[in-house]
Amino acid sequence: MKRVQKFRSIEEMNKAPVLVRESQEPPFERFLRHCARYWAIAPKRYPRGVFKFRSIEEAQEARNKHSLLPPDDSTES
């Protein structure tokens, strides 16, 4: 369980040592984990408006274009 530090003033807070947990994982793995967390909580950006499509394939292509996930290469029939 993590310990919560309490301070009575900003000066006291600035004097306190910064507690950093030493990680067993490589730095790049940690970076990837932080990126995944960012993409999970970042606001999604979608184009505004209502769109008409001539086919299901055209609609799916537009959805994949504006999706944050990689496009799905599997074709379902």
C-alpha atoms as a PDB file:
ATOM      1  CA  MET A   1       0.000   0.000   0.000  1.00  0.00           C
ATOM      2  CA  LYS A   2       1.279   3.458  -0.890  1.00  0.00           C
ATOM      3  CA  ARG A   3       1.877   5.932   1.863  1.00  0.00           C
ATOM      4  CA  VAL A   4       0.307   9.392   1.579  1.00  0.00           C
ATOM      5  CA  GLN A   5       2.526  12.290   2.541  1.00  0.00           C
ATOM      6  CA  LYS A   6       0.954  15.298   4.255  1.00  0.00           C
ATOM      7  CA  PHE A   7       2.530  18.749   4.434  1.00  0.00           C
ATOM      8  CA  ARG A   8       1.681  21.847   6.435  1.00  0.00           C
ATOM      9  CA  SER A   9       3.236  24.308   3.959  1.00  0.00           C
ATOM     10  CA  ILE A  10       4.654  24.557   0.462  1.00  0.00           C
ATOM     11  CA  GLU A  11       8.142  25.018   1.867  1.00  0.00           C
ATOM     12  CA  GLU A  12       7.840  21.759   3.788  1.00  0.00           C
ATOM     13  CA  MET A  13       6.609  20.040   0.653  1.00  0.00           C
ATOM     14  CA  ASN A  14       9.539  21.356  -1.414  1.00  0.00           C
ATOM     15  CA  LYS A  15      12.050  20.115   1.189  1.00  0.00           C
ATOM     16  CA  ALA A  16      10.680  16.575   1.165  1.00  0.00           C
ATOM     17  CA  PRO A  17      12.587  14.020  -0.898  1.00  0.00           C
ATOM     18  CA  VAL A  18      10.864  12.793  -4.041  1.00  0.00           C
ATOM     19  CA  LEU A  19       9.929   9.150  -3.633  1.00  0.00           C
ATOM     20  CA  VAL A  20      10.464   7.224  -6.847  1.00  0.00           C
ATOM     21  CA  ARG A  21       9.677   3.557  -7.152  1.00  0.00           C
ATOM     22  CA  GLU A  22      12.448   1.697  -8.913  1.00  0.00           C
ATOM     23  CA  SER A  23      10.926  -0.194 -11.792  1.00  0.00           C
ATOM     24  CA  GLN A  24      12.007  -3.693 -12.779  1.00  0.00           C
ATOM     25  CA  GLU A  25      10.798  -3.216 -16.353  1.00  0.00           C
ATOM     26  CA  PRO A  26      12.855  -1.571 -19.112  1.00  0.00           C
ATOM     27  CA  PRO A  27      12.243   2.153 -19.660  1.00  0.00           C
ATOM     28  CA  PHE A  28      10.779   1.627 -23.149  1.00  0.00           C
ATOM     29  CA  GLU A  29       8.233  -0.868 -21.809  1.00  0.00           C
ATOM     30  CA  ARG A  30       7.203   1.707 -19.227  1.00  0.00           C
ATOM     31  CA  PHE A  31       6.898   4.329 -21.962  1.00  0.00           C
ATOM     32  CA  LEU A  32       4.631   2.016 -23.977  1.00  0.00           C
ATOM     33  CA  ARG A  33       2.467   1.391 -20.925  1.00  0.00           C
ATOM     34  CA  HIS A  34       2.085   5.149 -20.381  1.00  0.00           C
ATOM     35  CA  CYS A  35       1.218   5.631 -24.070  1.00  0.00           C
ATOM     36  CA  ALA A  36      -1.472   2.965 -23.831  1.00  0.00           C
ATOM     37  CA  ARG A  37      -2.881   4.666 -20.745  1.00  0.00           C
ATOM     38  CA  TYR A  38      -2.914   8.016 -22.558  1.00  0.00           C
ATOM     39  CA  TRP A  39      -4.754   6.623 -25.596  1.00  0.00           C
ATOM     40  CA  ALA A  40      -7.277   4.944 -23.304  1.00  0.00           C
ATOM     41  CA  ILE A  41      -8.211   8.184 -21.506  1.00  0.00           C
ATOM     42  CA  ALA A  42      -7.557  10.777 -24.248  1.00  0.00           C
ATOM     43  CA  PRO A  43     -10.650  12.368 -25.762  1.00  0.00           C
ATOM     44  CA  LYS A  44     -11.602  10.814 -29.074  1.00  0.00           C
ATOM     45  CA  ARG A  45     -11.691  13.145 -32.074  1.00  0.00           C
ATOM     46  CA  TYR A  46     -14.455  12.449 -34.556  1.00  0.00           C
ATOM     47  CA  PRO A  47     -15.457  14.566 -37.554  1.00  0.00           C
ATOM     48  CA  ARG A  48     -18.525  16.704 -36.939  1.00  0.00           C
ATOM     49  CA  GLY A  49     -21.753  16.258 -38.826  1.00  0.00           C
ATOM     50  CA  VAL A  50     -23.924  13.582 -40.351  1.00  0.00           C
ATOM     51  CA  PHE A  51     -22.587  11.543 -43.236  1.00  0.00           C
ATOM     52  CA  LYS A  52     -24.273   9.442 -45.888  1.00  0.00           C
ATOM     53  CA  PHE A  53     -22.486   6.478 -47.398  1.00  0.00           C
ATOM     54  CA  ARG A  54     -23.295   4.574 -50.566  1.00  0.00           C
ATOM     55  CA  SER A  55     -22.221   1.230 -49.163  1.00  0.00           C
ATOM     56  CA  ILE A  56     -21.346  -0.537 -45.928  1.00  0.00           C
ATOM     57  CA  GLU A  57     -17.743  -0.836 -47.105  1.00  0.00           C
ATOM     58  CA  GLU A  58     -17.490   2.939 -47.591  1.00  0.00           C
ATOM     59  CA  ALA A  59     -18.899   3.527 -44.086  1.00  0.00           C
ATOM     60  CA  GLN A  60     -16.491   1.029 -42.527  1.00  0.00           C
ATOM     61  CA  GLU A  61     -13.566   2.615 -44.378  1.00  0.00           C
ATOM     62  CA  ALA A  62     -14.534   6.040 -42.992  1.00  0.00           C
ATOM     63  CA  ARG A  63     -14.873   4.585 -39.489  1.00  0.00           C
ATOM     64  CA  ASN A  64     -11.448   2.935 -39.712  1.00  0.00           C
ATOM     65  CA  LYS A  65      -9.929   6.182 -40.992  1.00  0.00           C
ATOM     66  CA  HIS A  66     -11.109   8.112 -37.909  1.00  0.00           C
ATOM     67  CA  SER A  67     -10.578   5.346 -35.375  1.00  0.00           C
ATOM     68  CA  LEU A  68      -7.641   5.396 -32.959  1.00  0.00           C
ATOM     69  CA  LEU A  69      -7.285   1.643 -33.260  1.00  0.00           C
ATOM     70  CA  PRO A  70      -5.471  -0.007 -36.153  1.00  0.00           C
ATOM     71  CA  PRO A  71      -7.795  -0.975 -39.027  1.00  0.00           C
ATOM     72  CA  ASP A  72      -9.338  -4.416 -38.900  1.00  0.00           C
ATOM     73  CA  ASP A  73      -7.963  -6.437 -41.842  1.00  0.00           C
ATOM     74  CA  SER A  74     -10.345  -9.346 -41.377  1.00  0.00           C
ATOM     75  CA  THR A  75     -13.248  -9.473 -43.794  1.00  0.00           C
ATOM     76  CA  GLU A  76     -16.502 -10.772 -42.410  1.00  0.00           C
ATOM     77  CA  SER A  77     -19.206 -12.154 -44.685  1.00  0.00           C
END
